[in-house]
Amino acid sequence: MKYYFAPMEGITRYTYRNAVWKHFPYVDKFYAPFIQPNPRRVFVPKEERDILPEHNEGIPLVPQVLTCSADGFIRAGRALEAYGYTEVNLNLGCPSGTVVSKGKGAGMLADAQKLEEFFNEVFAVEWKARITVKTRLGATEEDDFLELMQVFLRFPIAELIIHPRYRTDFYKGTPRMEWFWQAMKMRDQAGRQVKEGLPGMDMCYNGNIFTKQDYIQLCPECQSGILADEDSGSSLNSVMIGRGLLANPALVREIKGGPPLTMTELKAFHDDILEHYRRLDFGETNTIYKMKELWNYWGTIIDNAPRELKRVRKAARYADYIPATDMLFRTGTLTRTRGYLPGM
């Protein structure tokens, strides 16, 4: 089983990834926040800084591209290959209204024929890198995921990461697991299991893995957090975790049978990220804002410190923020009964 860290726009950029890799080097891949090529350029400076190899030394990073233009994807892919990347991921999952309105992300799933035309152009060129895809079930429930899956199976997509929600679900409710398992069956029936000498398609599950127990319950083959018979055609190859890892950066270690996160570890991790942000000179206001974005996740797994959490969330200056976080780390305790709680 392989474990992937999902991208989160505005949070999981290279400064954050370096801190994760230093303190919690347990995932097999990080997926970078998406790059949006346009006819004038492939990368904006912020995007290029994020994927520069010298900013990601030793980190198993996969760049992600968000576009509805085959030419844009090819140009971005070629530029990423030139940087030495061996995998390029296409984002078909972003549910943002501003993205979908431009026919990108999950917006591309509304027309299976146009999606097939896109892939026809993309795979008409020869690639050194593996081309992988992160998708949802469709833009709305009216979309036919079975038709979309047939499109995916017609192309040499090396791995398909499925978040089994529609775009209109955003991140609400429970993932529609019946569709994920149906996609696995279709992959197997099409002879796309990963076997030596065959153009296989790995399958990855993404969605609502907030605790080790969530992982164990993902499928009936899970035993003590380990997939039995993981090489069989009906088993998962990998899981992608996003919000669960943002809240608990040691979650994959726990899944693998290691110890749970400690408050001492979380404080060291927090302090490293804060130091990196201050060194980059984002400015006091922006730095504290970025740290409070992370507390939206960390705060959901901390018990017994509502007053301290409130002080952290109200802080606008270092003089308020640093004493508030120091007190929180001294008085708060980490829950052992839940993971990330959406909506907290």
C-alpha atoms as a PDB file:
ATOM      1  CA  MET A   1       0.000   0.000   0.000  1.00  0.00           C
ATOM      2  CA  LYS A   2       1.201   3.491  -0.859  1.00  0.00           C
ATOM      3  CA  TYR A   3       0.147   6.685   0.893  1.00  0.00           C
ATOM      4  CA  TYR A   4      -0.178  10.052  -0.859  1.00  0.00           C
ATOM      5  CA  PHE A   5      -0.517  13.551   0.620  1.00  0.00           C
ATOM      6  CA  ALA A   6      -3.220  15.429  -1.286  1.00  0.00           C
ATOM      7  CA  PRO A   7      -2.591  19.019  -2.398  1.00  0.00           C
ATOM      8  CA  MET A   8      -4.346  21.925  -0.715  1.00  0.00           C
ATOM      9  CA  GLU A   9      -4.149  25.271  -2.486  1.00  0.00           C
ATOM     10  CA  GLY A  10      -2.538  27.950  -0.335  1.00  0.00           C
ATOM     11  CA  ILE A  11      -1.325  25.501   2.333  1.00  0.00           C
ATOM     12  CA  THR A  12       0.756  22.567   1.082  1.00  0.00           C
ATOM     13  CA  ARG A  13       3.426  24.508  -0.770  1.00  0.00           C
ATOM     14  CA  TYR A  14       7.136  23.796  -0.534  1.00  0.00           C
ATOM     15  CA  THR A  15       7.741  25.489   2.831  1.00  0.00           C
ATOM     16  CA  TYR A  16       5.056  23.341   4.441  1.00  0.00           C
ATOM     17  CA  ARG A  17       6.155  20.177   2.580  1.00  0.00           C
ATOM     18  CA  ASN A  18       9.740  20.590   3.779  1.00  0.00           C
ATOM     19  CA  ALA A  19       8.560  20.774   7.378  1.00  0.00           C
ATOM     20  CA  VAL A  20       6.391  17.672   6.941  1.00  0.00           C
ATOM     21  CA  TRP A  21       9.243  15.745   5.352  1.00  0.00           C
ATOM     22  CA  LYS A  22      11.594  16.727   8.172  1.00  0.00           C
ATOM     23  CA  HIS A  23       9.233  15.759  11.012  1.00  0.00           C
ATOM     24  CA  PHE A  24       6.880  13.152   9.492  1.00  0.00           C
ATOM     25  CA  PRO A  25       8.533  11.470   6.458  1.00  0.00           C
ATOM     26  CA  TYR A  26       5.987   8.679   6.130  1.00  0.00           C
ATOM     27  CA  VAL A  27       4.097   9.327   2.881  1.00  0.00           C
ATOM     28  CA  ASP A  28       5.184   7.924  -0.474  1.00  0.00           C
ATOM     29  CA  LYS A  29       4.254  11.004  -2.511  1.00  0.00           C
ATOM     30  CA  PHE A  30       3.262  14.626  -2.102  1.00  0.00           C
ATOM     31  CA  TYR A  31       1.044  16.152  -4.784  1.00  0.00           C
ATOM     32  CA  ALA A  32       1.747  19.846  -5.345  1.00  0.00           C
ATOM     33  CA  PRO A  33      -1.024  22.450  -5.617  1.00  0.00           C
ATOM     34  CA  PHE A  34      -2.041  22.809  -9.244  1.00  0.00           C
ATOM     35  CA  ILE A  35      -0.263  24.717 -11.990  1.00  0.00           C
ATOM     36  CA  GLN A  36      -2.494  26.603 -14.463  1.00  0.00           C
ATOM     37  CA  PRO A  37      -0.780  27.053 -17.851  1.00  0.00           C
ATOM     38  CA  ASN A  38      -2.166  29.559 -20.336  1.00  0.00           C
ATOM     39  CA  PRO A  39      -1.201  30.504 -23.925  1.00  0.00           C
ATOM     40  CA  ARG A  40       1.340  33.119 -22.729  1.00  0.00           C
ATOM     41  CA  ARG A  41       3.273  31.099 -20.169  1.00  0.00           C
ATOM     42  CA  VAL A  42       3.486  27.723 -18.471  1.00  0.00           C
ATOM     43  CA  PHE A  43       4.204  28.839 -14.892  1.00  0.00           C
ATOM     44  CA  VAL A  44       3.716  32.032 -12.934  1.00  0.00           C
ATOM     45  CA  PRO A  45       6.680  32.725 -10.628  1.00  0.00           C
ATOM     46  CA  LYS A  46       4.881  31.423  -7.512  1.00  0.00           C
ATOM     47  CA  GLU A  47       4.045  28.151  -9.246  1.00  0.00           C
ATOM     48  CA  GLU A  48       7.581  27.709 -10.525  1.00  0.00           C
ATOM     49  CA  ARG A  49       9.125  28.431  -7.106  1.00  0.00           C
ATOM     50  CA  ASP A  50       6.891  25.756  -5.636  1.00  0.00           C
ATOM     51  CA  ILE A  51       8.073  22.952  -7.929  1.00  0.00           C
ATOM     52  CA  LEU A  52      11.750  23.917  -8.303  1.00  0.00           C
ATOM     53  CA  PRO A  53      13.845  20.829  -7.471  1.00  0.00           C
ATOM     54  CA  GLU A  54      16.103  22.863  -5.160  1.00  0.00           C
ATOM     55  CA  HIS A  55      13.037  23.738  -3.052  1.00  0.00           C
ATOM     56  CA  ASN A  56      12.017  20.084  -2.758  1.00  0.00           C
ATOM     57  CA  GLU A  57      15.251  18.207  -2.156  1.00  0.00           C
ATOM     58  CA  GLY A  58      14.588  14.581  -1.263  1.00  0.00           C
ATOM     59  CA  ILE A  59      10.815  15.045  -1.336  1.00  0.00           C
ATOM     60  CA  PRO A  60       8.851  12.614  -3.581  1.00  0.00           C
ATOM     61  CA  LEU A  61       6.860  15.352  -5.304  1.00  0.00           C
ATOM     62  CA  VAL A  62       4.297  15.065  -8.112  1.00  0.00           C
ATOM     63  CA  PRO A  63       3.289  18.310  -9.865  1.00  0.00           C
ATOM     64  CA  GLN A  64      -0.372  18.726 -10.742  1.00  0.00           C
ATOM     65  CA  VAL A  65      -1.753  20.557 -13.777  1.00  0.00           C
ATOM     66  CA  LEU A  66      -5.176  22.232 -13.992  1.00  0.00           C
ATOM     67  CA  THR A  67      -6.262  22.984 -17.541  1.00  0.00           C
ATOM     68  CA  CYS A  68      -8.916  22.150 -20.133  1.00  0.00           C
ATOM     69  CA  SER A  69      -6.429  22.709 -22.971  1.00  0.00           C
ATOM     70  CA  ALA A  70      -4.533  19.679 -24.264  1.00  0.00           C
ATOM     71  CA  ASP A  71      -1.845  22.006 -25.616  1.00  0.00           C
ATOM     72  CA  GLY A  72      -1.530  23.651 -22.197  1.00  0.00           C
ATOM     73  CA  PHE A  73      -1.158  20.281 -20.498  1.00  0.00           C
ATOM     74  CA  ILE A  74       1.467  19.150 -23.016  1.00  0.00           C
ATOM     75  CA  ARG A  75       3.519  22.341 -22.620  1.00  0.00           C
ATOM     76  CA  ALA A  76       3.348  22.118 -18.836  1.00  0.00           C
ATOM     77  CA  GLY A  77       4.186  18.415 -18.914  1.00  0.00           C
ATOM     78  CA  ARG A  78       7.212  18.980 -21.127  1.00  0.00           C
ATOM     79  CA  ALA A  79       8.466  21.753 -18.818  1.00  0.00           C
ATOM     80  CA  LEU A  80       8.030  19.488 -15.793  1.00  0.00           C
ATOM     81  CA  GLU A  81       9.849  16.636 -17.536  1.00  0.00           C
ATOM     82  CA  ALA A  82      12.711  19.066 -18.176  1.00  0.00           C
ATOM     83  CA  TYR A  83      12.894  19.641 -14.420  1.00  0.00           C
ATOM     84  CA  GLY A  84      13.269  15.896 -13.969  1.00  0.00           C
ATOM     85  CA  TYR A  85       9.754  14.972 -12.846  1.00  0.00           C
ATOM     86  CA  THR A  86       8.714  11.427 -13.691  1.00  0.00           C
ATOM     87  CA  GLU A  87       4.983  11.868 -13.041  1.00  0.00           C
ATOM     88  CA  VAL A  88       2.554  14.604 -14.067  1.00  0.00           C
ATOM     89  CA  ASN A  89      -0.950  14.626 -12.620  1.00  0.00           C
ATOM     90  CA  LEU A  90      -4.062  16.080 -14.272  1.00  0.00           C
ATOM     91  CA  ASN A  91      -6.586  17.664 -11.904  1.00  0.00           C
ATOM     92  CA  LEU A  92     -10.161  16.711 -12.835  1.00  0.00           C
ATOM     93  CA  GLY A  93     -11.409  17.045  -9.274  1.00  0.00           C
ATOM     94  CA  CYS A  94     -11.291  20.691  -8.174  1.00  0.00           C
ATOM     95  CA  PRO A  95     -14.901  21.715  -7.342  1.00  0.00           C
ATOM     96  CA  SER A  96     -14.278  25.474  -7.037  1.00  0.00           C
ATOM     97  CA  GLY A  97     -16.893  27.544  -8.837  1.00  0.00           C
ATOM     98  CA  THR A  98     -14.289  29.810 -10.463  1.00  0.00           C
ATOM     99  CA  VAL A  99     -12.456  26.728 -11.797  1.00  0.00           C
ATOM    100  CA  VAL A 100     -15.539  24.821 -12.973  1.00  0.00           C
ATOM    101  CA  SER A 101     -17.021  27.888 -14.718  1.00  0.00           C
ATOM    102  CA  LYS A 102     -13.965  27.863 -17.015  1.00  0.00           C
ATOM    103  CA  GLY A 103     -14.454  24.182 -17.857  1.00  0.00           C
ATOM    104  CA  LYS A 104     -11.462  23.094 -15.768  1.00  0.00           C
ATOM    105  CA  GLY A 105     -11.137  20.673 -12.863  1.00  0.00           C
ATOM    106  CA  ALA A 106     -14.418  18.869 -12.220  1.00  0.00           C
ATOM    107  CA  GLY A 107     -15.925  21.036 -14.966  1.00  0.00           C
ATOM    108  CA  MET A 108     -14.196  18.819 -17.534  1.00  0.00           C
ATOM    109  CA  LEU A 109     -16.294  15.860 -16.382  1.00  0.00           C
ATOM    110  CA  ALA A 110     -19.549  17.273 -17.721  1.00  0.00           C
ATOM    111  CA  ASP A 111     -18.763  16.220 -21.325  1.00  0.00           C
ATOM    112  CA  ALA A 112     -17.251  12.762 -21.828  1.00  0.00           C
ATOM    113  CA  GLN A 113     -16.712  13.355 -25.553  1.00  0.00           C
ATOM    114  CA  LYS A 114     -14.662  16.517 -24.991  1.00  0.00           C
ATOM    115  CA  LEU A 115     -12.684  14.707 -22.313  1.00  0.00           C
ATOM    116  CA  GLU A 116     -11.894  11.932 -24.778  1.00  0.00           C
ATOM    117  CA  GLU A 117     -10.777  14.498 -27.377  1.00  0.00           C
ATOM    118  CA  PHE A 118      -8.502  16.046 -24.741  1.00  0.00           C
ATOM    119  CA  PHE A 119      -6.860  12.695 -23.991  1.00  0.00           C
ATOM    120  CA  ASN A 120      -6.533  11.890 -27.703  1.00  0.00           C
ATOM    121  CA  GLU A 121      -4.335  14.981 -28.089  1.00  0.00           C
ATOM    122  CA  VAL A 122      -2.409  14.453 -24.857  1.00  0.00           C
ATOM    123  CA  PHE A 123      -1.528  10.837 -25.634  1.00  0.00           C
ATOM    124  CA  ALA A 124      -0.727  11.515 -29.277  1.00  0.00           C
ATOM    125  CA  VAL A 125       2.688  12.648 -28.011  1.00  0.00           C
ATOM    126  CA  GLU A 126       5.301  10.412 -26.419  1.00  0.00           C
ATOM    127  CA  TRP A 127       5.859  10.892 -22.712  1.00  0.00           C
ATOM    128  CA  LYS A 128       8.834  10.129 -20.501  1.00  0.00           C
ATOM    129  CA  ALA A 129       6.755  10.874 -17.414  1.00  0.00           C
ATOM    130  CA  ARG A 130       3.842   8.791 -16.148  1.00  0.00           C
ATOM    131  CA  ILE A 131       0.546  10.594 -16.749  1.00  0.00           C
ATOM    132  CA  THR A 132      -1.869  10.208 -13.854  1.00  0.00           C
ATOM    133  CA  VAL A 133      -5.344  11.633 -13.229  1.00  0.00           C
ATOM    134  CA  LYS A 134      -7.213  12.774 -10.116  1.00  0.00           C
ATOM    135  CA  THR A 135     -10.960  12.772 -10.709  1.00  0.00           C
ATOM    136  CA  ARG A 136     -14.416  12.960  -9.200  1.00  0.00           C
ATOM    137  CA  LEU A 137     -17.481  11.016 -10.320  1.00  0.00           C
ATOM    138  CA  GLY A 138     -18.741  13.876 -12.455  1.00  0.00           C
ATOM    139  CA  ALA A 139     -19.863  17.485 -12.278  1.00  0.00           C
ATOM    140  CA  THR A 140     -23.401  16.586 -11.169  1.00  0.00           C
ATOM    141  CA  GLU A 141     -25.368  13.409 -10.464  1.00  0.00           C
ATOM    142  CA  GLU A 142     -26.706  13.616 -14.007  1.00  0.00           C
ATOM    143  CA  ASP A 143     -23.225  12.829 -15.313  1.00  0.00           C
ATOM    144  CA  ASP A 144     -22.608   9.181 -16.210  1.00  0.00           C
ATOM    145  CA  PHE A 145     -19.537   8.045 -14.297  1.00  0.00           C
ATOM    146  CA  LEU A 146     -19.591   4.696 -16.102  1.00  0.00           C
ATOM    147  CA  GLU A 147     -19.145   6.561 -19.394  1.00  0.00           C
ATOM    148  CA  LEU A 148     -16.339   8.641 -17.909  1.00  0.00           C
ATOM    149  CA  MET A 149     -14.653   5.486 -16.623  1.00  0.00           C
ATOM    150  CA  GLN A 150     -14.809   3.960 -20.100  1.00  0.00           C
ATOM    151  CA  VAL A 151     -12.965   7.036 -21.391  1.00  0.00           C
ATOM    152  CA  PHE A 152     -10.252   6.682 -18.749  1.00  0.00           C
ATOM    153  CA  LEU A 153      -9.788   3.004 -19.588  1.00  0.00           C
ATOM    154  CA  ARG A 154      -9.173   3.740 -23.275  1.00  0.00           C
ATOM    155  CA  PHE A 155      -5.959   5.646 -22.542  1.00  0.00           C
ATOM    156  CA  PRO A 156      -2.579   4.727 -20.971  1.00  0.00           C
ATOM    157  CA  ILE A 157      -3.303   6.566 -17.728  1.00  0.00           C
ATOM    158  CA  ALA A 158      -0.803   5.141 -15.252  1.00  0.00           C
ATOM    159  CA  GLU A 159      -2.889   5.806 -12.140  1.00  0.00           C
ATOM    160  CA  LEU A 160      -6.437   6.966 -11.535  1.00  0.00           C
ATOM    161  CA  ILE A 161      -7.099   8.707  -8.208  1.00  0.00           C
ATOM    162  CA  ILE A 162     -10.833   8.753  -7.501  1.00  0.00           C
ATOM    163  CA  HIS A 163     -12.547  11.015  -5.003  1.00  0.00           C
ATOM    164  CA  PRO A 164     -16.001   9.404  -5.097  1.00  0.00           C
ATOM    165  CA  ARG A 165     -18.093  12.540  -4.864  1.00  0.00           C
ATOM    166  CA  TYR A 166     -19.669  14.711  -7.551  1.00  0.00           C
ATOM    167  CA  ARG A 167     -18.551  18.287  -7.976  1.00  0.00           C
ATOM    168  CA  THR A 168     -21.859  19.468  -6.513  1.00  0.00           C
ATOM    169  CA  ASP A 169     -21.163  17.427  -3.351  1.00  0.00           C
ATOM    170  CA  PHE A 170     -18.025  19.502  -2.729  1.00  0.00           C
ATOM    171  CA  TYR A 171     -16.758  17.816   0.489  1.00  0.00           C
ATOM    172  CA  LYS A 172     -20.143  17.244   2.125  1.00  0.00           C
ATOM    173  CA  GLY A 173     -21.739  13.954   3.074  1.00  0.00           C
ATOM    174  CA  THR A 174     -20.087  10.587   2.778  1.00  0.00           C
ATOM    175  CA  PRO A 175     -18.123   9.407  -0.271  1.00  0.00           C
ATOM    176  CA  ARG A 176     -20.163   7.291  -2.698  1.00  0.00           C
ATOM    177  CA  MET A 177     -18.188   4.128  -2.174  1.00  0.00           C
ATOM    178  CA  GLU A 178     -20.331   1.946  -4.444  1.00  0.00           C
ATOM    179  CA  TRP A 179     -19.048   3.926  -7.436  1.00  0.00           C
ATOM    180  CA  PHE A 180     -15.440   3.580  -6.369  1.00  0.00           C
ATOM    181  CA  TRP A 181     -15.722  -0.204  -6.127  1.00  0.00           C
ATOM    182  CA  GLN A 182     -17.551  -0.260  -9.468  1.00  0.00           C
ATOM    183  CA  ALA A 183     -14.607   1.578 -11.026  1.00  0.00           C
ATOM    184  CA  MET A 184     -12.236  -1.044  -9.569  1.00  0.00           C
ATOM    185  CA  LYS A 185     -14.323  -3.815 -11.140  1.00  0.00           C
ATOM    186  CA  MET A 186     -14.358  -2.056 -14.516  1.00  0.00           C
ATOM    187  CA  ARG A 187     -10.568  -1.675 -14.363  1.00  0.00           C
ATOM    188  CA  ASP A 188     -10.200  -5.397 -13.669  1.00  0.00           C
ATOM    189  CA  GLN A 189     -12.698  -6.435 -16.354  1.00  0.00           C
ATOM    190  CA  ALA A 190     -10.826  -4.319 -18.889  1.00  0.00           C
ATOM    191  CA  GLY A 191      -7.621  -6.185 -18.091  1.00  0.00           C
ATOM    192  CA  ARG A 192      -5.926  -3.082 -16.699  1.00  0.00           C
ATOM    193  CA  GLN A 193      -4.712  -4.671 -13.463  1.00  0.00           C
ATOM    194  CA  VAL A 194      -1.115  -3.829 -12.727  1.00  0.00           C
ATOM    195  CA  LYS A 195       0.841  -6.829 -13.964  1.00  0.00           C
ATOM    196  CA  GLU A 196       4.301  -7.170 -15.415  1.00  0.00           C
ATOM    197  CA  GLY A 197       4.343  -6.562 -19.164  1.00  0.00           C
ATOM    198  CA  LEU A 198       0.846  -5.050 -19.338  1.00  0.00           C
ATOM    199  CA  PRO A 199      -0.206  -1.368 -19.557  1.00  0.00           C
ATOM    200  CA  GLY A 200      -1.749  -1.392 -16.096  1.00  0.00           C
ATOM    201  CA  MET A 201      -3.750   1.296 -14.356  1.00  0.00           C
ATOM    202  CA  ASP A 202      -3.123   1.736 -10.628  1.00  0.00           C
ATOM    203  CA  MET A 203      -6.154   2.770  -8.606  1.00  0.00           C
ATOM    204  CA  CYS A 204      -6.062   5.166  -5.672  1.00  0.00           C
ATOM    205  CA  TYR A 205      -8.857   6.062  -3.252  1.00  0.00           C
ATOM    206  CA  ASN A 206      -9.259   9.598  -1.883  1.00  0.00           C
ATOM    207  CA  GLY A 207     -11.813  10.892   0.607  1.00  0.00           C
ATOM    208  CA  ASN A 208     -12.671  11.100   4.326  1.00  0.00           C
ATOM    209  CA  ILE A 209      -9.691   9.217   5.786  1.00  0.00           C
ATOM    210  CA  PHE A 210      -9.368  11.102   9.058  1.00  0.00           C
ATOM    211  CA  THR A 211      -8.258   8.311  11.420  1.00  0.00           C
ATOM    212  CA  LYS A 212      -6.573   4.930  11.335  1.00  0.00           C
ATOM    213  CA  GLN A 213     -10.014   3.382  11.862  1.00  0.00           C
ATOM    214  CA  ASP A 214     -11.323   5.157   8.746  1.00  0.00           C
ATOM    215  CA  TYR A 215      -8.523   3.501   6.800  1.00  0.00           C
ATOM    216  CA  ILE A 216      -9.202   0.060   8.287  1.00  0.00           C
ATOM    217  CA  GLN A 217     -12.891   0.357   7.408  1.00  0.00           C
ATOM    218  CA  LEU A 218     -12.163   1.395   3.835  1.00  0.00           C
ATOM    219  CA  CYS A 219     -12.538  -2.164   2.565  1.00  0.00           C
ATOM    220  CA  PRO A 220     -13.182  -5.598   4.083  1.00  0.00           C
ATOM    221  CA  GLU A 221      -9.625  -6.748   3.290  1.00  0.00           C
ATOM    222  CA  CYS A 222      -8.083  -4.307   5.781  1.00  0.00           C
ATOM    223  CA  GLN A 223      -6.513  -6.037   8.757  1.00  0.00           C
ATOM    224  CA  SER A 224      -4.949  -3.900  11.486  1.00  0.00           C
ATOM    225  CA  GLY A 225      -4.378  -1.089   9.022  1.00  0.00           C
ATOM    226  CA  ILE A 226      -2.707  -3.305   6.404  1.00  0.00           C
ATOM    227  CA  LEU A 227      -4.340  -4.474   3.190  1.00  0.00           C
ATOM    228  CA  ALA A 228      -4.310  -8.242   2.845  1.00  0.00           C
ATOM    229  CA  ASP A 229      -3.428  -9.551  -0.612  1.00  0.00           C
ATOM    230  CA  GLU A 230      -2.581  -6.070  -1.842  1.00  0.00           C
ATOM    231  CA  ASP A 231      -1.133  -7.424  -5.109  1.00  0.00           C
ATOM    232  CA  SER A 232      -4.425  -8.921  -6.272  1.00  0.00           C
ATOM    233  CA  GLY A 233      -6.337  -7.198  -9.034  1.00  0.00           C
ATOM    234  CA  SER A 234      -9.228  -6.382  -6.702  1.00  0.00           C
ATOM    235  CA  SER A 235      -7.124  -4.600  -4.091  1.00  0.00           C
ATOM    236  CA  LEU A 236      -6.247  -0.966  -3.724  1.00  0.00           C
ATOM    237  CA  ASN A 237      -2.801   0.169  -4.787  1.00  0.00           C
ATOM    238  CA  SER A 238      -2.801   3.409  -2.821  1.00  0.00           C
ATOM    239  CA  VAL A 239      -4.783   5.912  -0.780  1.00  0.00           C
ATOM    240  CA  MET A 240      -4.599   9.705  -0.878  1.00  0.00           C
ATOM    241  CA  ILE A 241      -5.208  11.652   2.324  1.00  0.00           C
ATOM    242  CA  GLY A 242      -5.736  15.402   2.548  1.00  0.00           C
ATOM    243  CA  ARG A 243      -7.613  16.986   5.462  1.00  0.00           C
ATOM    244  CA  GLY A 244      -6.824  14.046   7.757  1.00  0.00           C
ATOM    245  CA  LEU A 245      -3.076  14.596   7.297  1.00  0.00           C
ATOM    246  CA  LEU A 246      -3.365  18.363   7.638  1.00  0.00           C
ATOM    247  CA  ALA A 247      -4.963  17.828  11.044  1.00  0.00           C
ATOM    248  CA  ASN A 248      -2.721  14.940  12.101  1.00  0.00           C
ATOM    249  CA  PRO A 249       0.610  14.895  10.242  1.00  0.00           C
ATOM    250  CA  ALA A 250       1.505  11.569  11.917  1.00  0.00           C
ATOM    251  CA  LEU A 251      -1.605   9.797  10.604  1.00  0.00           C
ATOM    252  CA  VAL A 252       0.257   7.625   8.081  1.00  0.00           C
ATOM    253  CA  ARG A 253       2.727   6.604  10.787  1.00  0.00           C
ATOM    254  CA  GLU A 254      -0.221   5.498  12.920  1.00  0.00           C
ATOM    255  CA  ILE A 255      -1.779   3.594  10.013  1.00  0.00           C
ATOM    256  CA  LYS A 256       1.513   1.764   9.547  1.00  0.00           C
ATOM    257  CA  GLY A 257       1.452   0.695  13.187  1.00  0.00           C
ATOM    258  CA  GLY A 258       3.611   3.454  14.656  1.00  0.00           C
ATOM    259  CA  PRO A 259       2.927   5.675  17.676  1.00  0.00           C
ATOM    260  CA  PRO A 260       0.279   8.417  17.653  1.00  0.00           C
ATOM    261  CA  LEU A 261       1.086  12.099  17.342  1.00  0.00           C
ATOM    262  CA  THR A 262       2.312  13.854  20.489  1.00  0.00           C
ATOM    263  CA  MET A 263       1.846  17.481  21.467  1.00  0.00           C
ATOM    264  CA  THR A 264       5.636  17.861  21.647  1.00  0.00           C
ATOM    265  CA  GLU A 265       5.904  16.768  17.999  1.00  0.00           C
ATOM    266  CA  LEU A 266       3.103  19.070  16.920  1.00  0.00           C
ATOM    267  CA  LYS A 267       4.760  22.041  18.645  1.00  0.00           C
ATOM    268  CA  ALA A 268       8.120  21.355  16.968  1.00  0.00           C
ATOM    269  CA  PHE A 269       6.355  21.051  13.614  1.00  0.00           C
ATOM    270  CA  HIS A 270       4.408  24.288  14.211  1.00  0.00           C
ATOM    271  CA  ASP A 271       7.544  26.171  15.263  1.00  0.00           C
ATOM    272  CA  ASP A 272       9.436  25.039  12.159  1.00  0.00           C
ATOM    273  CA  ILE A 273       6.666  26.198   9.829  1.00  0.00           C
ATOM    274  CA  LEU A 274       6.369  29.538  11.622  1.00  0.00           C
ATOM    275  CA  GLU A 275      10.125  30.065  11.382  1.00  0.00           C
ATOM    276  CA  HIS A 276      10.108  29.275   7.661  1.00  0.00           C
ATOM    277  CA  TYR A 277       7.263  31.703   6.988  1.00  0.00           C
ATOM    278  CA  ARG A 278       8.937  34.470   8.993  1.00  0.00           C
ATOM    279  CA  ARG A 279      12.204  33.869   7.136  1.00  0.00           C
ATOM    280  CA  LEU A 280      10.385  34.295   3.806  1.00  0.00           C
ATOM    281  CA  ASP A 281       9.169  37.689   5.076  1.00  0.00           C
ATOM    282  CA  PHE A 282       5.492  37.368   4.172  1.00  0.00           C
ATOM    283  CA  GLY A 283       4.840  40.130   6.684  1.00  0.00           C
ATOM    284  CA  GLU A 284       3.400  39.742  10.177  1.00  0.00           C
ATOM    285  CA  THR A 285      -0.271  39.836   9.144  1.00  0.00           C
ATOM    286  CA  ASN A 286       0.091  37.365   6.285  1.00  0.00           C
ATOM    287  CA  THR A 287       2.259  34.993   8.324  1.00  0.00           C
ATOM    288  CA  ILE A 288      -0.252  34.823  11.156  1.00  0.00           C
ATOM    289  CA  TYR A 289      -3.082  34.372   8.658  1.00  0.00           C
ATOM    290  CA  LYS A 290      -1.266  31.419   7.078  1.00  0.00           C
ATOM    291  CA  MET A 291      -0.636  29.854  10.496  1.00  0.00           C
ATOM    292  CA  LYS A 292      -4.294  30.268  11.447  1.00  0.00           C
ATOM    293  CA  GLU A 293      -5.248  28.376   8.282  1.00  0.00           C
ATOM    294  CA  LEU A 294      -3.320  25.428   9.704  1.00  0.00           C
ATOM    295  CA  TRP A 295      -5.041  25.824  13.076  1.00  0.00           C
ATOM    296  CA  ASN A 296      -8.352  25.262  11.269  1.00  0.00           C
ATOM    297  CA  TYR A 297      -7.103  21.656  10.993  1.00  0.00           C
ATOM    298  CA  TRP A 298      -4.897  21.212  14.084  1.00  0.00           C
ATOM    299  CA  GLY A 299      -7.591  22.690  16.288  1.00  0.00           C
ATOM    300  CA  THR A 300     -10.006  19.880  15.460  1.00  0.00           C
ATOM    301  CA  ILE A 301      -7.863  17.237  17.180  1.00  0.00           C
ATOM    302  CA  ILE A 302      -7.065  19.224  20.340  1.00  0.00           C
ATOM    303  CA  ASP A 303      -9.201  18.772  23.458  1.00  0.00           C
ATOM    304  CA  ASN A 304      -9.490  20.733  26.691  1.00  0.00           C
ATOM    305  CA  ALA A 305      -8.314  24.107  25.357  1.00  0.00           C
ATOM    306  CA  PRO A 306     -11.249  26.064  23.853  1.00  0.00           C
ATOM    307  CA  ARG A 307     -10.161  29.343  25.439  1.00  0.00           C
ATOM    308  CA  GLU A 308      -6.584  28.986  24.182  1.00  0.00           C
ATOM    309  CA  LEU A 309      -7.786  28.085  20.684  1.00  0.00           C
ATOM    310  CA  LYS A 310      -9.981  31.182  20.677  1.00  0.00           C
ATOM    311  CA  ARG A 311      -6.975  33.337  21.650  1.00  0.00           C
ATOM    312  CA  VAL A 312      -4.945  31.845  18.775  1.00  0.00           C
ATOM    313  CA  ARG A 313      -7.743  32.520  16.289  1.00  0.00           C
ATOM    314  CA  LYS A 314      -8.151  36.117  17.453  1.00  0.00           C
ATOM    315  CA  ALA A 315      -4.412  36.944  17.408  1.00  0.00           C
ATOM    316  CA  ALA A 316      -3.337  39.583  14.891  1.00  0.00           C
ATOM    317  CA  ARG A 317       0.254  40.199  15.999  1.00  0.00           C
ATOM    318  CA  TYR A 318       3.174  37.994  17.010  1.00  0.00           C
ATOM    319  CA  ALA A 319       2.968  39.521  20.491  1.00  0.00           C
ATOM    320  CA  ASP A 320      -0.457  37.888  20.881  1.00  0.00           C
ATOM    321  CA  TYR A 321      -0.057  34.825  18.678  1.00  0.00           C
ATOM    322  CA  ILE A 322       3.152  33.342  20.137  1.00  0.00           C
ATOM    323  CA  PRO A 323       2.082  33.441  23.831  1.00  0.00           C
ATOM    324  CA  ALA A 324      -1.332  32.035  22.851  1.00  0.00           C
ATOM    325  CA  THR A 325       0.172  29.081  20.975  1.00  0.00           C
ATOM    326  CA  ASP A 326       2.725  28.433  23.734  1.00  0.00           C
ATOM    327  CA  MET A 327      -0.105  28.227  26.270  1.00  0.00           C
ATOM    328  CA  LEU A 328      -2.142  25.998  23.977  1.00  0.00           C
ATOM    329  CA  PHE A 329       0.708  23.531  23.578  1.00  0.00           C
ATOM    330  CA  ARG A 330       1.202  23.458  27.375  1.00  0.00           C
ATOM    331  CA  THR A 331      -2.441  22.990  28.349  1.00  0.00           C
ATOM    332  CA  GLY A 332      -4.124  21.234  25.433  1.00  0.00           C
ATOM    333  CA  THR A 333      -4.259  17.501  24.864  1.00  0.00           C
ATOM    334  CA  LEU A 334      -4.578  15.552  21.637  1.00  0.00           C
ATOM    335  CA  THR A 335      -7.727  13.523  21.219  1.00  0.00           C
ATOM    336  CA  ARG A 336      -7.401   9.764  20.812  1.00  0.00           C
ATOM    337  CA  THR A 337     -11.020   9.241  19.772  1.00  0.00           C
ATOM    338  CA  ARG A 338     -11.369  11.155  16.507  1.00  0.00           C
ATOM    339  CA  GLY A 339      -9.524  12.746  13.621  1.00  0.00           C
ATOM    340  CA  TYR A 340     -10.278  15.867  11.599  1.00  0.00           C
ATOM    341  CA  LEU A 341     -13.858  17.010  12.114  1.00  0.00           C
ATOM    342  CA  PRO A 342     -15.295  18.903   9.112  1.00  0.00           C
ATOM    343  CA  GLY A 343     -17.046  22.093  10.073  1.00  0.00           C
ATOM    344  CA  MET A 344     -15.234  22.715  13.362  1.00  0.00           C
END
